N, C-alpha and C. Protein backbone atom coordinates (compact mmCIF):
# COMPACT_ATOMS: atom_id res chain seq x y z
N MET A 1 15.30 -18.39 -15.56
CA MET A 1 14.66 -17.42 -16.18
C MET A 1 15.15 -17.17 -17.65
N GLU A 2 14.39 -16.81 -18.70
CA GLU A 2 14.54 -16.71 -20.11
C GLU A 2 15.11 -15.29 -20.26
N ARG A 3 15.93 -15.26 -21.42
CA ARG A 3 16.48 -13.95 -21.64
C ARG A 3 15.26 -12.76 -22.02
N LYS A 4 14.26 -13.36 -22.77
CA LYS A 4 13.27 -12.58 -22.89
C LYS A 4 12.34 -11.97 -21.74
N GLN A 5 12.28 -12.95 -20.74
CA GLN A 5 11.67 -12.26 -19.45
C GLN A 5 12.44 -11.11 -18.90
N LEU A 6 13.82 -11.35 -18.83
CA LEU A 6 14.66 -10.51 -18.30
C LEU A 6 14.69 -9.01 -19.30
N LEU A 7 14.49 -9.46 -20.46
CA LEU A 7 14.44 -8.09 -21.26
C LEU A 7 13.13 -7.36 -21.25
N TYR A 8 12.07 -7.93 -21.04
CA TYR A 8 10.76 -7.49 -20.69
C TYR A 8 10.70 -6.97 -19.30
N GLY A 9 11.24 -7.47 -18.37
CA GLY A 9 11.56 -6.95 -17.00
C GLY A 9 12.29 -5.70 -16.92
N LEU A 10 13.24 -5.61 -17.68
CA LEU A 10 14.19 -4.28 -17.84
C LEU A 10 13.21 -3.19 -18.46
N LEU A 11 12.59 -3.55 -19.70
CA LEU A 11 11.62 -2.54 -20.08
C LEU A 11 10.66 -1.97 -19.33
N LEU A 12 9.96 -2.90 -18.38
CA LEU A 12 9.05 -2.48 -17.47
C LEU A 12 9.74 -1.51 -16.32
N ALA A 13 10.91 -1.91 -15.92
CA ALA A 13 11.52 -1.19 -14.97
C ALA A 13 12.04 0.26 -15.42
N LEU A 14 12.55 0.32 -16.89
CA LEU A 14 12.98 1.48 -17.37
C LEU A 14 11.60 2.19 -17.58
N GLY A 15 10.58 1.82 -17.94
CA GLY A 15 9.26 2.40 -18.34
C GLY A 15 8.69 3.06 -16.77
N LEU A 16 8.90 2.48 -15.87
CA LEU A 16 8.54 3.05 -14.53
C LEU A 16 9.34 3.98 -14.22
N PHE A 17 10.72 3.96 -14.53
CA PHE A 17 11.53 4.89 -14.11
C PHE A 17 11.38 6.23 -14.95
N PHE A 18 11.12 6.11 -16.08
CA PHE A 18 10.74 7.23 -17.02
C PHE A 18 9.45 7.82 -16.66
N THR A 19 8.51 7.00 -16.38
CA THR A 19 7.11 7.48 -16.00
C THR A 19 7.11 8.37 -14.82
N ALA A 20 8.00 8.06 -13.86
CA ALA A 20 8.24 8.87 -12.62
C ALA A 20 8.63 10.19 -12.80
N SER A 21 8.77 10.71 -14.25
CA SER A 21 8.99 12.10 -14.35
C SER A 21 7.78 12.95 -14.46
N TYR A 22 6.74 12.37 -14.52
CA TYR A 22 5.45 13.08 -14.42
C TYR A 22 5.54 14.01 -13.23
N SER A 23 4.97 15.18 -13.47
CA SER A 23 4.83 16.01 -12.27
C SER A 23 3.43 16.83 -12.32
N ILE A 24 3.25 17.26 -10.94
CA ILE A 24 1.99 18.05 -11.03
C ILE A 24 2.25 19.07 -10.13
N ASP A 25 1.89 20.37 -10.55
CA ASP A 25 2.21 21.59 -10.08
C ASP A 25 1.17 22.57 -10.13
N ASN A 26 1.33 23.82 -9.95
CA ASN A 26 0.09 24.66 -10.05
C ASN A 26 -0.21 24.78 -11.57
N ARG A 27 0.60 24.60 -12.42
CA ARG A 27 -0.08 24.66 -13.81
C ARG A 27 -0.69 23.42 -14.27
N GLY A 28 -0.66 22.33 -13.68
CA GLY A 28 -1.33 21.29 -13.95
C GLY A 28 -0.45 19.97 -14.19
N PHE A 29 -0.70 19.12 -14.95
CA PHE A 29 -0.12 17.74 -15.03
C PHE A 29 0.56 17.82 -16.09
N HIS A 30 1.76 17.52 -16.30
CA HIS A 30 2.63 17.45 -17.41
C HIS A 30 3.82 16.57 -17.49
N SER A 31 4.29 15.82 -18.50
CA SER A 31 5.27 14.90 -18.25
C SER A 31 6.60 15.12 -19.34
N GLY A 32 6.27 15.45 -20.48
CA GLY A 32 7.52 15.70 -21.25
C GLY A 32 7.75 14.49 -22.02
N ILE A 33 8.97 14.35 -22.79
CA ILE A 33 9.33 13.19 -23.54
C ILE A 33 9.35 11.87 -22.73
N TYR A 34 10.10 12.18 -21.44
CA TYR A 34 10.56 11.09 -20.67
C TYR A 34 9.11 10.24 -20.33
N GLY A 35 8.23 10.90 -20.04
CA GLY A 35 6.89 10.28 -19.43
C GLY A 35 6.30 9.56 -20.63
N ILE A 36 6.42 10.00 -21.75
CA ILE A 36 5.85 9.48 -23.04
C ILE A 36 6.71 8.27 -23.33
N ILE A 37 7.90 8.30 -23.33
CA ILE A 37 8.85 6.86 -23.52
C ILE A 37 8.49 6.07 -22.43
N GLY A 38 8.38 6.34 -21.18
CA GLY A 38 8.07 5.42 -20.17
C GLY A 38 6.78 4.83 -20.59
N CYS A 39 5.82 5.38 -20.83
CA CYS A 39 4.32 4.67 -20.98
C CYS A 39 4.58 3.79 -22.26
N LEU A 40 5.31 4.18 -23.40
CA LEU A 40 5.58 3.39 -24.32
C LEU A 40 6.33 1.94 -24.07
N LEU A 41 7.36 2.06 -23.22
CA LEU A 41 8.06 0.99 -22.68
C LEU A 41 7.22 0.15 -21.93
N MET A 42 6.50 0.55 -20.96
CA MET A 42 5.47 -0.22 -20.27
C MET A 42 4.34 -1.03 -21.19
N VAL A 43 3.88 -0.37 -22.17
CA VAL A 43 3.00 -1.00 -23.01
C VAL A 43 3.85 -2.17 -23.91
N ALA A 44 5.02 -1.82 -24.09
CA ALA A 44 5.97 -2.95 -24.90
C ALA A 44 6.30 -4.12 -24.08
N ALA A 45 6.50 -3.59 -22.83
CA ALA A 45 6.76 -4.75 -21.67
C ALA A 45 5.44 -5.55 -21.69
N TYR A 46 4.49 -5.19 -21.45
CA TYR A 46 3.04 -5.78 -21.41
C TYR A 46 2.82 -6.73 -22.65
N CYS A 47 3.19 -6.13 -23.90
CA CYS A 47 2.89 -7.00 -24.91
C CYS A 47 3.87 -8.14 -25.06
N GLY A 48 5.18 -7.91 -24.59
CA GLY A 48 6.14 -9.05 -24.54
C GLY A 48 5.90 -9.92 -23.44
N PHE A 49 5.44 -9.68 -22.42
CA PHE A 49 5.05 -10.70 -21.33
C PHE A 49 3.76 -11.30 -21.69
N ASN A 50 2.99 -10.85 -22.18
CA ASN A 50 1.56 -11.52 -22.68
C ASN A 50 1.47 -11.89 -24.36
N TRP A 51 2.55 -12.02 -24.92
CA TRP A 51 2.71 -12.29 -26.41
C TRP A 51 1.91 -13.45 -26.95
N ASP A 52 1.98 -14.46 -25.96
CA ASP A 52 1.42 -15.79 -26.23
C ASP A 52 -0.09 -15.73 -26.22
N LYS A 53 -0.72 -14.99 -25.15
CA LYS A 53 -2.13 -14.61 -25.08
C LYS A 53 -2.57 -13.87 -26.17
N LEU A 54 -1.82 -12.88 -26.75
CA LEU A 54 -2.20 -11.99 -27.66
C LEU A 54 -2.10 -12.51 -29.00
N LYS A 55 -1.38 -13.78 -29.16
CA LYS A 55 -1.13 -14.28 -30.55
C LYS A 55 -2.60 -15.28 -30.71
N VAL A 56 -3.16 -15.73 -29.43
CA VAL A 56 -4.07 -16.81 -29.59
C VAL A 56 -5.68 -15.78 -29.50
N HIS A 57 -5.44 -14.49 -29.34
CA HIS A 57 -6.71 -13.49 -29.35
C HIS A 57 -7.33 -13.67 -27.87
N ASP A 58 -6.59 -13.84 -26.74
CA ASP A 58 -7.20 -13.87 -25.62
C ASP A 58 -7.94 -12.58 -25.27
N HIS A 59 -9.12 -12.68 -24.91
CA HIS A 59 -10.09 -11.51 -24.89
C HIS A 59 -9.51 -10.48 -23.75
N HIS A 60 -9.32 -11.03 -22.41
CA HIS A 60 -8.75 -10.31 -21.48
C HIS A 60 -7.55 -9.60 -21.77
N ALA A 61 -6.63 -10.19 -22.25
CA ALA A 61 -5.22 -9.53 -22.58
C ALA A 61 -5.42 -8.50 -23.51
N ARG A 62 -6.36 -8.79 -24.58
CA ARG A 62 -6.55 -7.79 -25.68
C ARG A 62 -7.33 -6.62 -25.17
N VAL A 63 -8.19 -6.56 -24.10
CA VAL A 63 -8.94 -5.45 -23.43
C VAL A 63 -7.85 -4.68 -22.63
N ILE A 64 -7.12 -5.28 -21.87
CA ILE A 64 -6.14 -4.54 -21.28
C ILE A 64 -5.14 -3.83 -21.84
N LEU A 65 -4.80 -4.38 -22.91
CA LEU A 65 -3.81 -3.76 -23.97
C LEU A 65 -4.45 -2.58 -24.58
N GLY A 66 -5.89 -2.80 -24.99
CA GLY A 66 -6.62 -1.67 -25.43
C GLY A 66 -6.58 -0.46 -24.60
N TRP A 67 -6.91 -0.69 -23.31
CA TRP A 67 -6.81 0.18 -22.31
C TRP A 67 -5.52 1.14 -22.10
N LEU A 68 -4.44 0.34 -22.09
CA LEU A 68 -3.00 0.78 -21.82
C LEU A 68 -2.84 1.61 -23.11
N VAL A 69 -3.10 1.13 -24.14
CA VAL A 69 -2.86 1.97 -25.50
C VAL A 69 -3.68 3.27 -25.53
N GLY A 70 -4.90 3.18 -25.08
CA GLY A 70 -5.78 4.32 -25.00
C GLY A 70 -5.44 5.31 -24.00
N ILE A 71 -5.00 5.02 -22.93
CA ILE A 71 -4.63 5.82 -21.84
C ILE A 71 -3.19 6.47 -22.28
N THR A 72 -2.23 5.80 -23.04
CA THR A 72 -1.03 6.30 -23.50
C THR A 72 -1.15 7.27 -24.61
N THR A 73 -2.10 6.93 -25.40
CA THR A 73 -2.69 7.83 -26.55
C THR A 73 -3.27 9.16 -26.00
N PHE A 74 -4.03 9.13 -24.90
CA PHE A 74 -4.67 10.21 -24.27
C PHE A 74 -3.59 11.06 -23.69
N ILE A 75 -2.61 10.54 -23.09
CA ILE A 75 -1.44 11.19 -22.45
C ILE A 75 -0.70 12.07 -23.43
N ILE A 76 -0.59 11.28 -24.44
CA ILE A 76 0.43 12.00 -25.59
C ILE A 76 -0.33 13.08 -26.29
N ILE A 77 -1.73 12.91 -26.26
CA ILE A 77 -2.58 14.20 -26.83
C ILE A 77 -2.48 15.31 -25.78
N LEU A 78 -2.63 14.95 -24.73
CA LEU A 78 -2.52 15.99 -23.61
C LEU A 78 -1.09 16.78 -23.60
N ASP A 79 -0.07 15.93 -23.86
CA ASP A 79 1.11 16.68 -23.78
C ASP A 79 1.41 17.44 -25.00
N ILE A 80 0.80 17.00 -26.15
CA ILE A 80 0.89 17.92 -27.34
C ILE A 80 0.14 19.23 -27.32
N ALA A 81 -1.14 18.94 -26.70
CA ALA A 81 -1.99 20.18 -26.34
C ALA A 81 -1.37 21.08 -25.45
N GLU A 82 -0.56 20.64 -24.21
CA GLU A 82 0.01 21.38 -23.41
C GLU A 82 1.14 22.35 -24.20
N ALA A 83 1.87 21.43 -25.16
CA ALA A 83 3.03 22.28 -25.81
C ALA A 83 2.58 23.42 -26.59
N ILE A 84 1.33 23.12 -27.31
CA ILE A 84 1.06 24.00 -28.22
C ILE A 84 0.20 25.20 -27.50
N LEU A 85 -0.49 24.92 -26.51
CA LEU A 85 -0.92 26.15 -25.68
C LEU A 85 -0.10 26.91 -24.63
N ALA A 86 1.12 26.35 -24.73
CA ALA A 86 1.96 26.98 -23.63
C ALA A 86 2.89 28.21 -24.13
């Protein structure tokens, strides 16, 4: 196994661990800074694992990356809105 694969695997594992900080309670869905960091780490791990495909502009990899970035951006916007309205 290459060092890069180990690094990206570690980023993915940390991202999943931080993303587990999301909670749902009677006030709704909220995450805090750890959830946002977890999402960003998972996007970075996806980019790292698929860097060769992204460099040659593989359509499938770019569509998935677009969805991941879009969902992460949506979560960040919701967290900012929650902080402002709280």
